[in-house]
Amino acid sequence: MKYIIPFLIVISFNSFSQNKPSDPLAHTYSIVARDAETGEMAVAVQSHWFSVGTAVSWGEAGVGVVATQSFTNKSFGPRGLAMMKSGLSPQQAMDSLINNDEGEAFRQVAILNSEGQVASHTGAKCIDEAGHINGDNFSVQANMMLNKSVVPAMENAWKSNKDLRLAERMVEVLKAAQAEGGDIRGKQSAALLIVKGEASEEPWNDKVLDLRVDDHENPISELDRLVKVFRAYEHMNQGDLYVEKGAMQEAMNEYNAAMEMFPRNLEMQYWTAITLANDGKMDRAVKMLQKIYQEDANWRELTKRLPKVGLLEVEEKDLIRLTH
């Protein structure tokens, strides 16, 4: 399907050559990167385009990540990954993709493998300001930017935030690009994809994070918020694992950490209260649950249903206290 947005119609007819691709547009800035300590690999991207994450960012654990943008050839994602999986380097994969593409002058692509090697391409007909910078474990690239300082600002943000975890570090790179003016058209969508450095026997667990903000007036701020929510739920998940092991104090520590991050989240409060009840700390559980019920009575009904499936194991008299 061919997507043309109004402001590009004149450009399309007057400036582009006859071999202009009919692929979707995703003029944007992005980063592909690898955490040297964990081996995790990531793509982060922002564009004034709807649902940019569905077109630009691709990744596979143990293989690498790809960002394909400008006039986006989506096939570069899965094909680039397949080539690297077969043993080709990022540059070899890039050469194969670009050399067999009539629209290479309109493409912007970055490829990174599980060893941190990168290859980048900015076609001669990518709209100014356009360019890329790459190094060990990263590549930053952008096209249709407000000014030429965007890409260097992204590089600096990547290098100056080594103390951050990968997700947060990637978001800082997007923030830096936007602070320099970003996409000349403005903001609309953003995405962050992270995969593990090594593939496991459980591929359904090999994707660390996949966040997409498809349409938002401040997509990077929203992406930043979602990363924080993700971290809070990491604590919740770890707390659940401790509950399974009967390590209630450790579980409470994790739940409390989550609630400190999002004190208004009823879900986090609720399961903390249920854990307290299962651990015999009935007074504290009752107090927490009463506050939750005042905000949403449906949680009371949920509490009544938990004993049937073994998630709340208390005596009848205590269940009455918990649900009154």
Protein backbone atom coordinates (compact mmCIF):
# COMPACT_ATOMS: atom_id res chain seq x y z
CA MET A 1 0.00 0.00 0.00
CA LYS A 2 1.28 3.50 -0.79
CA TYR A 3 1.11 6.17 1.86
CA ILE A 4 1.51 9.81 0.86
CA ILE A 5 0.97 12.64 3.29
CA PRO A 6 -0.13 16.02 1.87
CA PHE A 7 2.99 18.06 2.50
CA LEU A 8 5.07 15.60 0.50
CA ILE A 9 2.92 15.54 -2.65
CA VAL A 10 4.80 18.39 -4.35
CA ILE A 11 8.15 16.88 -3.41
CA SER A 12 7.09 13.52 -4.73
CA PHE A 13 6.20 14.87 -8.17
CA ASN A 14 8.90 17.49 -8.61
CA SER A 15 12.03 16.26 -6.88
CA PHE A 16 12.12 12.49 -6.63
CA SER A 17 13.31 10.28 -9.43
CA GLN A 18 11.11 7.75 -11.10
CA ASN A 19 12.47 4.94 -8.91
CA LYS A 20 11.18 6.57 -5.72
CA PRO A 21 9.99 3.74 -3.44
CA SER A 22 6.30 3.31 -2.75
CA ASP A 23 7.04 2.09 0.80
CA PRO A 24 5.51 3.77 3.87
CA LEU A 25 7.21 6.91 5.16
CA ALA A 26 8.90 6.88 8.55
CA HIS A 27 11.13 9.93 8.66
CA THR A 28 12.56 9.78 12.11
CA TYR A 29 15.46 9.50 14.52
CA SER A 30 16.51 6.24 16.14
CA ILE A 31 19.25 4.37 17.95
CA VAL A 32 20.31 0.73 17.84
CA ALA A 33 22.53 -0.25 20.74
CA ARG A 34 23.92 -3.06 22.90
CA ASP A 35 24.56 -3.09 26.63
CA ALA A 36 28.16 -4.28 26.93
CA GLU A 37 27.55 -5.75 30.40
CA THR A 38 24.27 -7.61 29.92
CA GLY A 39 24.49 -8.24 26.18
CA GLU A 40 20.94 -6.96 25.72
CA MET A 41 20.25 -5.21 22.40
CA ALA A 42 17.75 -2.45 21.73
CA VAL A 43 16.10 -0.15 19.22
CA ALA A 44 14.52 3.16 20.26
CA VAL A 45 12.76 5.47 17.83
CA GLN A 46 10.54 8.58 17.64
CA SER A 47 8.76 10.08 14.64
CA HIS A 48 5.96 12.38 13.57
CA TRP A 49 4.26 9.31 12.13
CA PHE A 50 1.60 6.96 13.47
CA SER A 51 2.79 3.76 15.18
CA VAL A 52 6.44 4.10 14.17
CA GLY A 53 7.41 1.00 16.17
CA THR A 54 5.52 -1.30 13.82
CA ALA A 55 7.72 -0.31 10.90
CA VAL A 56 11.16 0.77 12.11
CA SER A 57 12.27 -1.51 14.95
CA TRP A 58 13.18 -5.19 14.62
CA GLY A 59 15.12 -7.55 16.87
CA GLU A 60 15.88 -11.16 17.74
CA ALA A 61 17.62 -12.45 20.86
CA GLY A 62 21.10 -13.78 20.23
CA VAL A 63 21.14 -12.26 16.75
CA GLY A 64 20.78 -8.49 16.68
CA VAL A 65 18.55 -5.49 16.02
CA VAL A 66 17.64 -3.43 12.96
CA ALA A 67 16.22 0.08 12.46
CA THR A 68 14.85 0.69 8.96
CA GLN A 69 13.48 4.17 8.26
CA SER A 70 13.05 7.12 5.86
CA PHE A 71 11.17 5.40 3.00
CA THR A 72 10.87 2.30 5.12
CA ASN A 73 11.58 -1.08 3.57
CA LYS A 74 10.10 -3.27 6.29
CA SER A 75 11.65 -6.38 4.80
CA PHE A 76 15.08 -5.07 5.82
CA GLY A 77 14.19 -5.98 9.42
CA PRO A 78 13.47 -9.71 9.13
CA ARG A 79 15.86 -10.17 6.19
CA GLY A 80 18.71 -8.42 7.97
CA LEU A 81 18.17 -10.53 11.07
CA ALA A 82 18.02 -13.72 9.01
CA MET A 83 21.31 -12.87 7.31
CA MET A 84 23.06 -12.25 10.61
CA LYS A 85 21.59 -15.45 12.02
CA SER A 86 23.15 -17.29 9.08
CA GLY A 87 26.56 -15.87 9.97
CA LEU A 88 26.87 -12.62 8.03
CA SER A 89 28.27 -9.53 9.72
CA PRO A 90 26.11 -6.39 9.96
CA GLN A 91 28.07 -4.82 7.09
CA GLN A 92 27.68 -7.90 4.91
CA ALA A 93 23.94 -7.95 5.65
CA MET A 94 23.70 -4.22 4.90
CA ASP A 95 25.55 -4.58 1.60
CA SER A 96 23.24 -7.37 0.51
CA LEU A 97 20.13 -5.36 1.40
CA ILE A 98 21.21 -2.08 -0.14
CA ASN A 99 22.91 -3.43 -3.26
CA ASN A 100 19.71 -5.20 -4.28
CA ASP A 101 17.38 -2.29 -3.58
CA GLU A 102 16.45 0.19 -6.32
CA GLY A 103 15.37 2.63 -3.63
CA GLU A 104 18.65 2.62 -1.68
CA ALA A 105 19.09 6.38 -2.10
CA PHE A 106 15.92 6.94 -0.06
CA ARG A 107 16.73 4.41 2.69
CA GLN A 108 18.20 4.90 6.12
CA VAL A 109 19.16 1.71 7.95
CA ALA A 110 21.17 0.67 10.99
CA ILE A 111 22.08 -2.92 11.90
CA LEU A 112 23.73 -4.20 15.09
CA ASN A 113 24.64 -7.78 16.01
CA SER A 114 25.09 -9.62 19.30
CA GLU A 115 28.81 -8.78 19.35
CA GLY A 116 28.12 -5.06 19.18
CA GLN A 117 29.26 -4.67 15.57
CA VAL A 118 27.25 -2.12 13.56
CA ALA A 119 26.61 -1.00 10.00
CA SER A 120 24.73 2.14 8.95
CA HIS A 121 23.45 3.60 5.70
CA THR A 122 21.99 7.01 4.93
CA GLY A 123 20.90 7.30 1.32
CA ALA A 124 21.81 10.37 -0.72
CA LYS A 125 18.13 11.31 -1.13
CA CYS A 126 17.14 11.13 2.52
CA ILE A 127 15.63 14.49 3.40
CA ASP A 128 17.87 16.96 5.24
CA GLU A 129 18.98 17.13 7.85
CA ALA A 130 20.03 13.49 7.62
CA GLY A 131 22.98 11.47 8.83
CA HIS A 132 24.31 8.82 11.17
CA ILE A 133 27.14 8.19 13.62
CA ASN A 134 28.20 4.75 14.80
CA GLY A 135 30.73 3.11 17.08
CA ASP A 136 31.20 0.05 19.24
CA ASN A 137 27.82 -1.17 20.46
CA PHE A 138 25.72 1.66 18.98
CA SER A 139 24.55 3.60 15.96
CA VAL A 140 22.42 6.76 15.95
CA GLN A 141 20.68 7.97 12.80
CA ALA A 142 18.12 10.54 11.75
CA ASN A 143 16.52 12.11 8.71
CA MET A 144 14.21 15.10 8.14
CA MET A 145 15.57 16.72 11.31
CA LEU A 146 15.17 20.38 12.17
CA ASN A 147 18.94 20.84 12.24
CA LYS A 148 22.25 18.99 11.90
CA SER A 149 22.99 18.94 15.64
CA VAL A 150 20.43 16.19 16.38
CA VAL A 151 22.61 13.18 15.54
CA PRO A 152 25.71 14.41 17.47
CA ALA A 153 23.46 15.12 20.47
CA MET A 154 22.21 11.53 20.34
CA GLU A 155 25.76 10.19 20.25
CA ASN A 156 26.72 12.33 23.23
CA ALA A 157 23.67 11.19 25.21
CA TRP A 158 24.51 7.53 24.60
CA LYS A 159 28.12 7.97 25.69
CA SER A 160 27.38 10.17 28.70
CA ASN A 161 24.74 7.92 30.28
CA LYS A 162 26.77 4.74 30.79
CA ASP A 163 25.58 4.45 34.38
CA LEU A 164 21.96 3.90 33.32
CA ARG A 165 20.27 0.62 32.52
CA LEU A 166 19.73 0.03 28.82
CA ALA A 167 16.05 1.03 28.63
CA GLU A 168 16.60 4.29 30.48
CA ARG A 169 19.75 5.02 28.48
CA MET A 170 17.88 4.61 25.21
CA VAL A 171 15.15 6.99 26.35
CA GLU A 172 17.78 9.60 27.25
CA VAL A 173 19.07 9.43 23.68
CA LEU A 174 15.58 10.18 22.35
CA LYS A 175 15.22 13.03 24.82
CA ALA A 176 18.52 14.50 23.62
CA ALA A 177 17.41 14.34 20.00
CA GLN A 178 14.16 16.11 20.80
CA ALA A 179 15.95 18.75 22.86
CA GLU A 180 17.95 19.64 19.73
CA GLY A 181 14.79 20.13 17.68
CA GLY A 182 14.14 16.56 16.57
CA ASP A 183 11.88 15.82 13.63
CA ILE A 184 11.15 19.05 11.71
CA ARG A 185 7.43 18.09 11.71
CA GLY A 186 7.19 17.53 15.46
CA LYS A 187 6.24 14.47 17.56
CA GLN A 188 3.69 11.68 17.36
CA SER A 189 4.88 8.18 18.20
CA ALA A 190 7.78 6.38 19.86
CA ALA A 191 8.88 2.83 20.57
CA LEU A 192 11.46 0.85 22.52
CA LEU A 193 12.36 -2.77 21.80
CA ILE A 194 14.89 -4.76 23.87
CA VAL A 195 15.93 -8.38 23.29
CA LYS A 196 18.32 -10.63 25.19
CA GLY A 197 21.92 -10.99 24.10
CA GLU A 198 21.65 -14.77 23.98
CA ALA A 199 18.73 -16.81 22.76
CA SER A 200 17.29 -19.37 25.14
CA GLU A 201 15.20 -22.51 24.81
CA GLU A 202 12.23 -20.32 25.73
CA PRO A 203 11.93 -17.79 22.91
CA TRP A 204 8.74 -16.39 24.43
CA ASN A 205 10.92 -15.05 27.25
CA ASP A 206 13.71 -13.66 25.06
CA LYS A 207 12.05 -10.29 24.45
CA VAL A 208 12.93 -8.12 27.45
CA LEU A 209 10.77 -5.13 26.62
CA ASP A 210 8.47 -4.02 23.79
CA LEU A 211 6.86 -0.64 24.41
CA ARG A 212 4.99 1.40 21.82
CA VAL A 213 3.39 4.82 22.04
CA ASP A 214 1.45 4.91 18.79
CA ASP A 215 -0.14 8.37 18.96
CA HIS A 216 0.62 10.93 21.67
CA GLU A 217 1.36 14.65 21.91
CA ASN A 218 4.48 13.87 23.97
CA PRO A 219 5.48 10.35 22.96
CA ILE A 220 8.94 10.36 24.54
CA SER A 221 7.59 11.49 27.90
CA GLU A 222 4.97 8.76 27.69
CA LEU A 223 7.61 6.19 26.76
CA ASP A 224 9.68 7.33 29.74
CA ARG A 225 6.65 6.85 32.00
CA LEU A 226 6.02 3.37 30.64
CA VAL A 227 9.63 2.37 31.35
CA LYS A 228 9.10 3.42 34.96
CA VAL A 229 5.88 1.37 35.12
CA PHE A 230 7.83 -1.58 33.71
CA ARG A 231 10.43 -1.25 36.47
CA ALA A 232 7.70 -1.16 39.11
CA TYR A 233 6.13 -4.33 37.76
CA GLU A 234 9.56 -5.97 37.75
CA HIS A 235 9.42 -5.56 41.52
CA MET A 236 5.90 -6.96 41.57
CA ASN A 237 6.92 -10.00 39.54
CA GLN A 238 9.93 -10.61 41.75
CA GLY A 239 7.67 -10.34 44.78
CA ASP A 240 5.40 -13.00 43.31
CA LEU A 241 8.38 -15.32 42.88
CA TYR A 242 9.32 -14.84 46.53
CA VAL A 243 5.74 -15.64 47.55
CA GLU A 244 5.97 -18.92 45.63
CA LYS A 245 9.10 -19.74 47.63
CA GLY A 246 7.48 -18.74 50.93
CA ALA A 247 9.97 -15.88 51.40
CA MET A 248 7.38 -13.38 52.64
CA GLN A 249 9.73 -10.68 53.92
CA GLU A 250 11.60 -10.58 50.63
CA ALA A 251 8.26 -10.48 48.81
CA MET A 252 7.10 -7.54 50.90
CA ASN A 253 10.33 -5.69 50.19
CA GLU A 254 9.69 -6.02 46.46
CA TYR A 255 6.03 -5.04 46.73
CA ASN A 256 6.92 -2.01 48.83
CA ALA A 257 9.51 -0.95 46.26
CA ALA A 258 6.84 -1.12 43.55
CA MET A 259 4.33 0.87 45.62
CA GLU A 260 6.91 3.56 46.33
CA MET A 261 7.30 4.04 42.58
CA PHE A 262 3.53 4.18 41.96
CA PRO A 263 1.71 4.82 45.24
CA ARG A 264 -1.64 5.39 43.48
CA ASN A 265 -1.65 2.05 41.68
CA LEU A 266 -4.45 -0.03 43.25
CA GLU A 267 -3.22 -3.27 41.69
CA MET A 268 0.11 -3.02 43.50
CA GLN A 269 -1.57 -2.09 46.77
CA TYR A 270 -4.09 -4.90 46.46
CA TRP A 271 -1.70 -7.80 45.98
CA THR A 272 0.52 -6.46 48.72
CA ALA A 273 -2.49 -6.57 51.04
CA ILE A 274 -3.34 -10.13 49.96
CA THR A 275 0.26 -11.20 50.63
CA LEU A 276 0.03 -9.67 54.09
CA ALA A 277 -3.17 -11.62 54.74
CA ASN A 278 -1.63 -14.90 53.60
CA ASP A 279 1.31 -14.18 55.90
CA GLY A 280 -1.03 -13.77 58.87
CA LYS A 281 -0.66 -10.00 59.15
CA MET A 282 -4.41 -9.52 59.15
CA ASP A 283 -4.68 -6.07 60.73
CA ARG A 284 -2.39 -4.49 58.15
CA ALA A 285 -4.14 -6.32 55.32
CA VAL A 286 -7.59 -5.19 56.47
CA LYS A 287 -6.45 -1.58 56.76
CA MET A 288 -5.00 -1.57 53.23
CA LEU A 289 -7.99 -3.31 51.70
CA GLN A 290 -10.49 -0.91 53.23
CA LYS A 291 -8.76 2.01 51.55
CA ILE A 292 -8.76 0.14 48.25
CA TYR A 293 -12.47 -0.73 48.52
CA GLN A 294 -13.29 2.92 49.11
CA GLU A 295 -11.81 3.76 45.71
CA ASP A 296 -13.22 0.77 43.84
CA ALA A 297 -15.62 -1.73 45.42
CA ASN A 298 -14.92 -4.33 42.74
CA TRP A 299 -11.74 -5.27 44.58
CA ARG A 300 -13.89 -6.50 47.48
CA GLU A 301 -15.69 -8.89 45.13
CA LEU A 302 -12.34 -10.10 43.80
CA THR A 303 -11.16 -10.85 47.35
CA LYS A 304 -14.20 -13.10 47.86
CA ARG A 305 -13.21 -15.12 44.79
CA LEU A 306 -9.58 -15.75 45.71
CA PRO A 307 -10.02 -18.60 48.24
CA LYS A 308 -11.64 -20.80 45.59
CA VAL A 309 -8.45 -20.81 43.51
CA GLY A 310 -6.04 -20.93 46.44
CA LEU A 311 -4.72 -17.39 46.18
CA LEU A 312 -6.08 -16.42 49.57
CA GLU A 313 -5.71 -19.04 52.29
CA VAL A 314 -7.31 -17.74 55.47
CA GLU A 315 -9.93 -18.90 57.93
CA GLU A 316 -13.56 -17.99 57.35
CA LYS A 317 -13.57 -15.46 60.17
CA ASP A 318 -10.57 -13.71 58.66
CA LEU A 319 -12.14 -13.71 55.19
CA ILE A 320 -15.15 -11.94 56.68
CA ARG A 321 -12.82 -9.30 58.14
CA LEU A 322 -11.04 -8.89 54.81
CA THR A 323 -14.26 -8.41 52.86
CA HIS A 324 -16.52 -6.47 55.21
